[in-house]
Amino acid sequence: MDVYNLVSFIGLFVLMALAWCVSTSRRRMNWRVICWGLVIQLALGMLIFWAPGSKTVFEWLNDLVVKVLDAAKAGQEFLFGNLALETWREGPNAGQYTPWRFVLAVQALPTIIFFSALMALLYYWRIMPWIVRGFSWLFTRLMRISGAESLCSASNIFVGIESATTVRPYLAKMTRSEFCTILTAGMATIASSVLGLYVLFLKDVYPDIAGHLISASILSAPAAIVMSKILLPEDGRPLTMGRSVKGHVEAEPSAIAAVISGSMAGVRLVVGVCALLIAFLGIIALVNLALDAAGLVSLAELLGYVFRPLAAVIGIPWEDSQAAGELLGMRLVVTELPAYLELNKAIAADTFTHARTPVVTIYALCGFAHVASLAIFIGGIAALVPERRKDLAAVGPRALLAATLACLMTGAVAGTFFLN
């Protein structure tokens, strides 16, 4: 271990202290939630990085996900032909190859459709509900939060906005603190449907990326609960406090129906991702034009200055903190997709001076903690309980802050246990 491991460990408490400073009620801290949430994260971090055989598990997970991605390409290549190939295509003469630029829309985004269909199939076979119930039971038992918010938080490890439907019967009577928790958990974690996309971005420059991304999403669930309960402590009596609840799942009539339903949900997600990228990247370009006209630095650099101290707090060496801060800032305003693409370029170009920087950054970026996601989650849950729209909108910005701090907390856990 070196000094940076200690910095990351101390950073966990710095991040919680920052959340406490802007809490709605600094005297109402639920220390059981905070302590057990931290213990769960540290135990998982120790298991991920230090347990005997963890490297073997990581290699197995990585190989499994890469093989699944290779299978996903069959449909892409059939539909798009040479356009679906990652970086090269056959040239005009046999045996020659010419460079083919990476095209996100046809080489990467279709994997979301495949993974969405695969997850729907795993839910139909009752594999995923069993895993989700296990995490939910752990959170409810140890942290003594409501069963509804623990079930939703556990679901968010594997799925996105659709996790709210698992607790639909309880949404109308949820407290504001519960709403903050489910919004935070949704934005602090990632959905399995996009995990394959991130693996595709980084597998060539970081071979064990699949195992790290899965670990990051699991770690972020208890981190989200901790940060949300610090920022917005419970001041009511949740209906399902301290007891496990059964998830509300709309069962598909057959495996084929599950695949079809999952595929259509994946298509909607891909369209949404494309729309958000077009809108936000265009707006960022306009902002950069305005900043350039005013003689200022770009938005990425400005965000880098804002997030640089936070990057340093979670254990990223100061020399790399500006570059890492820019990626963290990019995730907040543009989504994590461009941030991971830029991380790929940075690793390939040997931009970072320390081996720990890519690992900590990968964990800290692993989440939907951005402005667009906030709108998606509030809109999605409000559609289920329109009478609680005002409450959701009121806690939304606080949930985004909690999700951002939770992702940074996950990065700090990785930094605590990572050994060069």
Protein backbone atom coordinates (compact mmCIF):
# COMPACT_ATOMS: atom_id res chain seq x y z
CA MET A 1 0.00 0.00 0.00
CA ASP A 2 1.12 3.58 -0.56
CA VAL A 3 0.05 7.06 0.47
CA TYR A 4 -2.60 7.26 -2.25
CA ASN A 5 -4.48 4.30 -0.73
CA LEU A 6 -4.65 6.25 2.52
CA VAL A 7 -5.77 9.40 0.67
CA SER A 8 -8.62 7.42 -0.93
CA PHE A 9 -9.66 5.99 2.45
CA ILE A 10 -9.71 9.42 4.07
CA GLY A 11 -11.56 10.69 0.99
CA LEU A 12 -14.54 8.49 1.90
CA PHE A 13 -15.04 10.50 5.07
CA VAL A 14 -14.36 13.82 3.32
CA LEU A 15 -17.12 13.07 0.81
CA MET A 16 -19.56 12.16 3.58
CA ALA A 17 -18.59 15.33 5.44
CA LEU A 18 -19.33 17.40 2.32
CA ALA A 19 -22.76 15.77 2.10
CA TRP A 20 -23.36 16.44 5.81
CA CYS A 21 -22.53 20.15 5.33
CA VAL A 22 -25.46 20.56 2.90
CA SER A 23 -27.83 18.12 4.61
CA THR A 24 -31.44 19.17 5.19
CA SER A 25 -31.11 18.09 8.83
CA ARG A 26 -27.62 17.60 10.22
CA ARG A 27 -29.02 16.38 13.55
CA ARG A 28 -31.10 13.57 12.09
CA MET A 29 -28.24 11.38 10.85
CA ASN A 30 -29.09 7.68 10.80
CA TRP A 31 -25.73 6.31 11.91
CA ARG A 32 -26.79 2.72 11.33
CA VAL A 33 -27.33 3.44 7.63
CA ILE A 34 -24.08 5.38 7.34
CA CYS A 35 -21.90 2.89 9.23
CA TRP A 36 -23.31 -0.26 7.67
CA GLY A 37 -23.30 1.33 4.20
CA LEU A 38 -19.62 2.12 4.61
CA VAL A 39 -18.85 -1.36 6.00
CA ILE A 40 -20.61 -3.03 3.05
CA GLN A 41 -18.61 -0.95 0.58
CA LEU A 42 -15.28 -1.63 2.29
CA ALA A 43 -16.05 -5.34 2.58
CA LEU A 44 -16.96 -5.52 -1.11
CA GLY A 45 -13.87 -3.51 -2.04
CA MET A 46 -11.65 -5.88 -0.05
CA LEU A 47 -13.34 -8.85 -1.69
CA ILE A 48 -12.95 -7.39 -5.19
CA PHE A 49 -9.31 -6.34 -4.95
CA TRP A 50 -7.70 -8.44 -2.22
CA ALA A 51 -9.55 -11.75 -1.95
CA PRO A 52 -7.65 -14.85 -3.14
CA GLY A 53 -8.82 -15.75 -6.62
CA SER A 54 -10.32 -12.31 -7.35
CA LYS A 55 -8.08 -11.92 -10.40
CA THR A 56 -9.33 -15.25 -11.75
CA VAL A 57 -12.93 -14.14 -11.27
CA PHE A 58 -12.21 -10.84 -13.03
CA GLU A 59 -10.65 -12.66 -15.98
CA TRP A 60 -13.60 -15.05 -16.13
CA LEU A 61 -16.12 -12.19 -16.06
CA ASN A 62 -14.20 -10.29 -18.69
CA ASP A 63 -14.01 -13.30 -21.01
CA LEU A 64 -17.70 -14.00 -20.51
CA VAL A 65 -18.80 -10.44 -21.32
CA VAL A 66 -16.45 -10.21 -24.32
CA LYS A 67 -17.85 -13.47 -25.71
CA VAL A 68 -21.38 -12.17 -25.21
CA LEU A 69 -20.39 -8.97 -27.03
CA ASP A 70 -18.99 -11.03 -29.90
CA ALA A 71 -22.33 -12.84 -30.10
CA ALA A 72 -24.12 -9.48 -30.14
CA LYS A 73 -22.15 -8.44 -33.21
CA ALA A 74 -23.79 -11.16 -35.33
CA GLY A 75 -27.01 -9.16 -35.62
CA GLN A 76 -25.15 -5.88 -36.12
CA GLU A 77 -23.01 -7.22 -38.96
CA PHE A 78 -26.04 -8.77 -40.65
CA LEU A 79 -27.88 -5.45 -40.47
CA PHE A 80 -25.07 -2.96 -41.15
CA GLY A 81 -22.42 -5.04 -42.95
CA ASN A 82 -18.91 -3.51 -42.93
CA LEU A 83 -20.22 -0.50 -41.03
CA ALA A 84 -20.57 -2.70 -37.96
CA LEU A 85 -16.86 -3.60 -37.92
CA GLU A 86 -15.00 -1.78 -35.18
CA THR A 87 -12.03 -0.07 -36.88
CA TRP A 88 -11.20 -1.77 -40.17
CA ARG A 89 -12.94 -2.96 -43.32
CA GLU A 90 -11.80 -4.69 -46.48
CA GLY A 91 -10.28 -2.34 -49.03
CA PRO A 92 -10.95 -2.27 -52.78
CA ASN A 93 -8.23 -4.84 -53.37
CA ALA A 94 -8.31 -8.32 -51.84
CA GLY A 95 -6.13 -8.67 -48.77
CA GLN A 96 -5.86 -4.92 -48.21
CA TYR A 97 -7.46 -2.98 -45.39
CA THR A 98 -8.30 0.68 -45.13
CA PRO A 99 -9.10 2.57 -41.93
CA TRP A 100 -12.78 2.89 -41.06
CA ARG A 101 -13.68 5.49 -38.51
CA PHE A 102 -15.47 4.42 -35.35
CA VAL A 103 -19.20 5.09 -35.67
CA LEU A 104 -21.02 5.01 -32.33
CA ALA A 105 -24.50 4.58 -33.81
CA VAL A 106 -23.81 1.35 -35.72
CA GLN A 107 -20.78 -0.16 -33.95
CA ALA A 108 -21.66 0.34 -30.28
CA LEU A 109 -25.22 1.49 -29.53
CA PRO A 110 -26.88 -1.65 -30.99
CA THR A 111 -25.31 -3.63 -28.14
CA ILE A 112 -27.80 -1.87 -25.84
CA ILE A 113 -30.66 -3.59 -27.71
CA PHE A 114 -28.99 -6.98 -27.37
CA PHE A 115 -28.24 -6.60 -23.65
CA SER A 116 -31.73 -5.26 -22.97
CA ALA A 117 -33.22 -8.36 -24.60
CA LEU A 118 -30.81 -10.62 -22.70
CA MET A 119 -31.73 -9.03 -19.35
CA ALA A 120 -35.44 -9.40 -20.13
CA LEU A 121 -34.81 -13.10 -20.78
CA LEU A 122 -32.89 -13.50 -17.49
CA TYR A 123 -35.78 -11.83 -15.66
CA TYR A 124 -38.26 -14.19 -17.35
CA TRP A 125 -36.18 -17.17 -16.22
CA ARG A 126 -36.30 -15.74 -12.65
CA ILE A 127 -32.50 -15.53 -12.43
CA MET A 128 -32.22 -11.76 -11.94
CA PRO A 129 -35.12 -11.43 -9.44
CA TRP A 130 -33.38 -13.97 -7.19
CA ILE A 131 -30.12 -11.96 -7.24
CA VAL A 132 -31.95 -8.66 -6.69
CA ARG A 133 -33.83 -10.06 -3.68
CA GLY A 134 -30.51 -11.11 -2.16
CA PHE A 135 -29.08 -7.59 -2.32
CA SER A 136 -32.38 -6.11 -1.17
CA TRP A 137 -32.47 -8.39 1.88
CA LEU A 138 -28.88 -7.41 2.75
CA PHE A 139 -29.62 -3.67 2.56
CA THR A 140 -32.87 -3.96 4.55
CA ARG A 141 -31.42 -6.25 7.20
CA LEU A 142 -28.19 -4.37 7.86
CA MET A 143 -29.10 -0.73 7.21
CA ARG A 144 -32.74 -0.91 8.36
CA ILE A 145 -34.09 1.20 5.53
CA SER A 146 -37.51 0.59 4.03
CA GLY A 147 -37.97 -2.58 2.01
CA ALA A 148 -39.27 -0.61 -0.97
CA GLU A 149 -36.21 1.64 -1.30
CA SER A 150 -33.80 -1.25 -0.69
CA LEU A 151 -35.51 -3.33 -3.39
CA CYS A 152 -35.40 -0.42 -5.84
CA SER A 153 -31.74 0.27 -5.00
CA ALA A 154 -30.85 -3.39 -5.52
CA SER A 155 -32.72 -3.47 -8.84
CA ASN A 156 -30.78 -0.45 -10.02
CA ILE A 157 -27.55 -2.47 -9.90
CA PHE A 158 -28.82 -4.28 -12.99
CA VAL A 159 -31.50 -2.15 -14.65
CA GLY A 160 -32.30 1.55 -15.12
CA ILE A 161 -35.50 3.56 -14.82
CA GLU A 162 -37.61 0.40 -15.07
CA SER A 163 -36.48 -0.47 -11.53
CA ALA A 164 -39.14 1.93 -10.23
CA THR A 165 -41.86 -0.40 -11.52
CA THR A 166 -40.75 -3.08 -9.03
CA VAL A 167 -42.00 -0.86 -6.17
CA ARG A 168 -44.91 0.70 -8.01
CA PRO A 169 -47.52 -0.26 -5.36
CA TYR A 170 -45.54 1.68 -2.71
CA LEU A 171 -44.63 4.83 -4.66
CA ALA A 172 -47.74 6.85 -3.78
CA LYS A 173 -47.04 6.65 -0.03
CA MET A 174 -43.26 7.05 -0.10
CA THR A 175 -41.58 9.75 1.97
CA ARG A 176 -39.38 12.39 0.35
CA SER A 177 -36.33 10.67 1.78
CA GLU A 178 -37.35 7.42 0.07
CA PHE A 179 -37.82 9.28 -3.22
CA CYS A 180 -34.36 10.78 -2.83
CA THR A 181 -32.90 7.31 -2.28
CA ILE A 182 -34.48 5.67 -5.32
CA LEU A 183 -33.55 8.63 -7.53
CA THR A 184 -29.99 8.60 -6.19
CA ALA A 185 -29.64 4.83 -6.64
CA GLY A 186 -30.89 5.13 -10.21
CA MET A 187 -28.34 7.80 -11.10
CA ALA A 188 -25.40 6.38 -9.11
CA THR A 189 -25.51 2.97 -10.80
CA ILE A 190 -25.63 1.76 -14.41
CA ALA A 191 -27.98 -0.56 -16.26
CA SER A 192 -26.73 -3.86 -17.64
CA SER A 193 -28.01 -2.79 -21.05
CA VAL A 194 -25.26 -0.15 -21.28
CA LEU A 195 -22.56 -2.06 -19.40
CA GLY A 196 -21.72 -3.94 -22.59
CA LEU A 197 -21.34 -0.61 -24.35
CA TYR A 198 -18.75 0.62 -21.84
CA VAL A 199 -16.88 -2.69 -22.11
CA LEU A 200 -16.80 -2.24 -25.86
CA PHE A 201 -15.30 1.24 -25.39
CA LEU A 202 -12.51 0.15 -23.05
CA LYS A 203 -11.78 -3.57 -23.49
CA ASP A 204 -8.84 -2.97 -25.85
CA VAL A 205 -7.07 -0.50 -23.55
CA TYR A 206 -8.15 -2.02 -20.22
CA PRO A 207 -8.63 -5.82 -20.53
CA ASP A 208 -10.31 -6.38 -17.11
CA ILE A 209 -12.87 -3.62 -17.62
CA ALA A 210 -15.97 -5.86 -17.41
CA GLY A 211 -15.23 -7.09 -13.90
CA HIS A 212 -14.48 -3.55 -12.70
CA LEU A 213 -17.71 -2.11 -14.16
CA ILE A 214 -19.84 -4.84 -12.58
CA SER A 215 -18.08 -4.25 -9.26
CA ALA A 216 -18.54 -0.48 -9.56
CA SER A 217 -22.30 -0.75 -10.07
CA ILE A 218 -22.61 -3.05 -7.04
CA LEU A 219 -20.49 -0.75 -4.86
CA SER A 220 -22.51 2.31 -5.90
CA ALA A 221 -25.80 0.93 -4.55
CA PRO A 222 -24.86 1.14 -0.84
CA ALA A 223 -22.95 4.37 -1.57
CA ALA A 224 -26.15 5.85 -3.02
CA ILE A 225 -28.13 4.89 0.09
CA VAL A 226 -25.50 6.44 2.38
CA MET A 227 -25.27 9.73 0.48
CA SER A 228 -29.01 10.12 0.02
CA LYS A 229 -29.69 9.52 3.72
CA ILE A 230 -27.05 12.07 4.70
CA LEU A 231 -28.32 14.72 2.29
CA LEU A 232 -32.01 14.09 3.02
CA PRO A 233 -32.43 12.16 6.31
CA GLU A 234 -35.67 10.33 6.97
CA ASP A 235 -38.15 12.45 8.96
CA GLY A 236 -41.21 10.28 8.51
CA ARG A 237 -42.25 6.66 8.95
CA PRO A 238 -41.90 4.68 5.69
CA LEU A 239 -44.66 2.16 5.07
CA THR A 240 -42.21 -0.72 4.57
CA MET A 241 -39.58 0.30 7.13
CA GLY A 242 -37.33 -2.60 8.16
CA ARG A 243 -39.20 -5.30 6.24
CA SER A 244 -38.55 -6.95 2.88
CA VAL A 245 -41.11 -6.52 0.13
CA LYS A 246 -41.85 -8.54 -2.96
CA GLY A 247 -41.14 -6.80 -6.22
CA HIS A 248 -43.98 -5.98 -8.59
CA VAL A 249 -43.01 -7.53 -11.92
CA GLU A 250 -45.17 -7.74 -15.03
CA ALA A 251 -44.48 -11.30 -16.16
CA GLU A 252 -44.12 -12.02 -19.85
CA PRO A 253 -46.15 -14.96 -21.23
CA SER A 254 -43.12 -16.62 -22.85
CA ALA A 255 -39.38 -16.37 -23.39
CA ILE A 256 -39.94 -15.10 -26.94
CA ALA A 257 -42.26 -12.39 -25.64
CA ALA A 258 -39.60 -11.40 -23.08
CA VAL A 259 -36.96 -11.06 -25.81
CA ILE A 260 -39.31 -8.99 -27.96
CA SER A 261 -40.26 -6.74 -25.05
CA GLY A 262 -36.62 -6.30 -24.03
CA SER A 263 -35.59 -5.54 -27.60
CA MET A 264 -38.24 -2.86 -27.99
CA ALA A 265 -37.20 -1.31 -24.67
CA GLY A 266 -33.60 -1.33 -25.94
CA VAL A 267 -34.64 0.45 -29.13
CA ARG A 268 -36.33 3.19 -27.11
CA LEU A 269 -33.21 3.51 -24.97
CA VAL A 270 -30.94 3.77 -28.04
CA VAL A 271 -33.16 6.47 -29.55
CA GLY A 272 -33.12 8.34 -26.24
CA VAL A 273 -29.33 8.10 -25.98
CA CYS A 274 -28.92 9.39 -29.55
CA ALA A 275 -31.29 12.29 -28.91
CA LEU A 276 -29.51 13.27 -25.69
CA LEU A 277 -26.06 13.12 -27.29
CA ILE A 278 -27.14 15.20 -30.28
CA ALA A 279 -28.79 17.81 -28.04
CA PHE A 280 -26.20 18.05 -25.27
CA LEU A 281 -23.08 17.86 -27.45
CA GLY A 282 -24.54 20.57 -29.66
CA ILE A 283 -25.31 22.78 -26.67
CA ILE A 284 -21.82 22.21 -25.27
CA ALA A 285 -20.35 23.23 -28.62
CA LEU A 286 -22.37 26.46 -28.49
CA VAL A 287 -21.20 27.12 -24.94
CA ASN A 288 -17.59 26.58 -26.01
CA LEU A 289 -18.08 29.05 -28.88
CA ALA A 290 -19.34 31.65 -26.41
CA LEU A 291 -16.48 30.97 -24.01
CA ASP A 292 -13.95 31.19 -26.81
CA ALA A 293 -15.43 34.51 -27.97
CA ALA A 294 -15.07 35.80 -24.42
CA GLY A 295 -11.44 34.68 -24.33
CA LEU A 296 -12.08 31.97 -21.72
CA VAL A 297 -11.10 28.33 -21.58
CA SER A 298 -13.44 25.56 -22.76
CA LEU A 299 -16.27 24.18 -20.65
CA ALA A 300 -14.33 20.93 -20.19
CA GLU A 301 -11.39 22.80 -18.70
CA LEU A 302 -13.66 24.85 -16.45
CA LEU A 303 -15.34 21.70 -15.16
CA GLY A 304 -11.90 20.17 -14.75
CA TYR A 305 -10.97 22.98 -12.34
CA VAL A 306 -14.20 22.38 -10.39
CA PHE A 307 -13.80 18.62 -10.14
CA ARG A 308 -10.01 18.56 -9.77
CA PRO A 309 -10.07 18.82 -5.95
CA LEU A 310 -12.69 16.06 -5.79
CA ALA A 311 -10.57 13.86 -8.08
CA ALA A 312 -7.62 14.41 -5.74
CA VAL A 313 -9.78 13.65 -2.68
CA ILE A 314 -10.67 10.17 -3.99
CA GLY A 315 -7.00 9.31 -4.46
CA ILE A 316 -6.13 10.40 -7.99
CA PRO A 317 -2.59 11.87 -8.00
CA TRP A 318 -2.53 15.66 -8.45
CA GLU A 319 -0.68 15.41 -11.77
CA ASP A 320 -3.62 13.46 -13.24
CA SER A 321 -6.41 15.19 -11.34
CA GLN A 322 -7.09 17.88 -13.95
CA ALA A 323 -7.62 15.34 -16.75
CA ALA A 324 -9.71 13.12 -14.48
CA GLY A 325 -11.69 16.15 -13.29
CA GLU A 326 -12.54 17.06 -16.88
CA LEU A 327 -13.94 13.54 -17.42
CA LEU A 328 -16.00 13.74 -14.23
CA GLY A 329 -17.34 17.14 -15.25
CA MET A 330 -18.13 15.84 -18.73
CA ARG A 331 -20.18 13.02 -17.21
CA LEU A 332 -22.25 15.53 -15.21
CA VAL A 333 -23.26 17.71 -18.18
CA VAL A 334 -22.93 15.50 -21.28
CA THR A 335 -23.50 11.93 -19.91
CA GLU A 336 -20.97 9.19 -19.22
CA LEU A 337 -20.76 7.94 -22.85
CA PRO A 338 -18.47 10.70 -24.18
CA ALA A 339 -16.56 10.58 -20.88
CA TYR A 340 -15.75 6.89 -21.33
CA LEU A 341 -14.80 7.49 -24.97
CA GLU A 342 -12.41 10.23 -23.87
CA LEU A 343 -11.07 7.95 -21.14
CA ASN A 344 -10.33 5.37 -23.82
CA LYS A 345 -8.30 7.95 -25.74
CA ALA A 346 -6.47 9.09 -22.61
CA ILE A 347 -5.45 5.55 -21.66
CA ALA A 348 -4.42 4.73 -25.24
CA ALA A 349 -2.33 7.93 -25.42
CA ASP A 350 -0.67 7.22 -22.06
CA THR A 351 -1.97 10.53 -20.73
CA PHE A 352 -2.00 9.45 -17.08
CA THR A 353 1.23 9.30 -15.11
CA HIS A 354 0.00 6.81 -12.48
CA ALA A 355 -1.41 3.31 -12.98
CA ARG A 356 -4.10 3.89 -10.34
CA THR A 357 -5.68 6.83 -12.18
CA PRO A 358 -7.53 4.84 -14.88
CA VAL A 359 -8.92 2.39 -12.29
CA VAL A 360 -10.21 5.04 -9.89
CA THR A 361 -11.62 7.07 -12.81
CA ILE A 362 -13.40 4.02 -14.27
CA TYR A 363 -15.16 3.45 -10.93
CA ALA A 364 -15.95 7.14 -10.36
CA LEU A 365 -17.46 7.51 -13.86
CA CYS A 366 -19.63 4.40 -13.56
CA GLY A 367 -23.06 5.92 -13.05
CA PHE A 368 -25.91 7.87 -14.63
CA ALA A 369 -25.19 10.92 -12.45
CA HIS A 370 -25.88 13.62 -15.01
CA VAL A 371 -28.48 16.26 -15.76
CA ALA A 372 -30.18 14.32 -18.55
CA SER A 373 -30.59 11.26 -16.33
CA LEU A 374 -32.20 13.40 -13.62
CA ALA A 375 -34.90 14.48 -16.08
CA ILE A 376 -35.39 10.89 -17.26
CA PHE A 377 -35.76 9.43 -13.76
CA ILE A 378 -38.06 12.18 -12.46
CA GLY A 379 -40.20 11.97 -15.59
CA GLY A 380 -40.33 8.18 -15.52
CA ILE A 381 -41.32 7.88 -11.87
CA ALA A 382 -43.72 10.84 -12.08
CA ALA A 383 -45.54 9.00 -14.87
CA LEU A 384 -46.21 6.18 -12.38
CA VAL A 385 -47.35 8.52 -9.55
CA PRO A 386 -48.33 11.86 -11.09
CA GLU A 387 -49.76 13.07 -7.78
CA ARG A 388 -46.20 13.06 -6.32
CA ARG A 389 -44.58 15.00 -9.18
CA LYS A 390 -43.87 18.05 -7.01
CA ASP A 391 -42.13 15.98 -4.36
CA LEU A 392 -39.98 14.25 -6.98
CA ALA A 393 -39.02 17.56 -8.57
CA ALA A 394 -38.19 19.03 -5.16
CA VAL A 395 -35.75 16.27 -4.19
CA GLY A 396 -34.32 15.82 -7.70
CA PRO A 397 -31.36 18.26 -7.53
CA ARG A 398 -30.39 16.89 -4.11
CA ALA A 399 -30.55 13.35 -5.51
CA LEU A 400 -28.24 14.35 -8.39
CA LEU A 401 -25.73 15.73 -5.89
CA ALA A 402 -26.03 12.55 -3.81
CA ALA A 403 -25.51 10.38 -6.91
CA THR A 404 -22.43 12.37 -7.92
CA LEU A 405 -20.94 12.00 -4.44
CA ALA A 406 -21.87 8.29 -4.40
CA CYS A 407 -19.99 7.69 -7.67
CA LEU A 408 -16.98 9.53 -6.24
CA MET A 409 -17.29 7.39 -3.11
CA THR A 410 -17.16 4.27 -5.27
CA GLY A 411 -14.00 5.63 -6.89
CA ALA A 412 -12.53 6.24 -3.43
CA VAL A 413 -13.26 2.63 -2.40
CA ALA A 414 -11.46 1.39 -5.53
CA GLY A 415 -8.57 3.72 -4.73
CA THR A 416 -8.40 2.42 -1.17
CA PHE A 417 -7.79 -1.18 -2.21
CA PHE A 418 -6.07 -0.88 -5.60
CA LEU A 419 -2.44 -2.00 -5.53
CA ASN A 420 -0.08 -1.22 -8.43
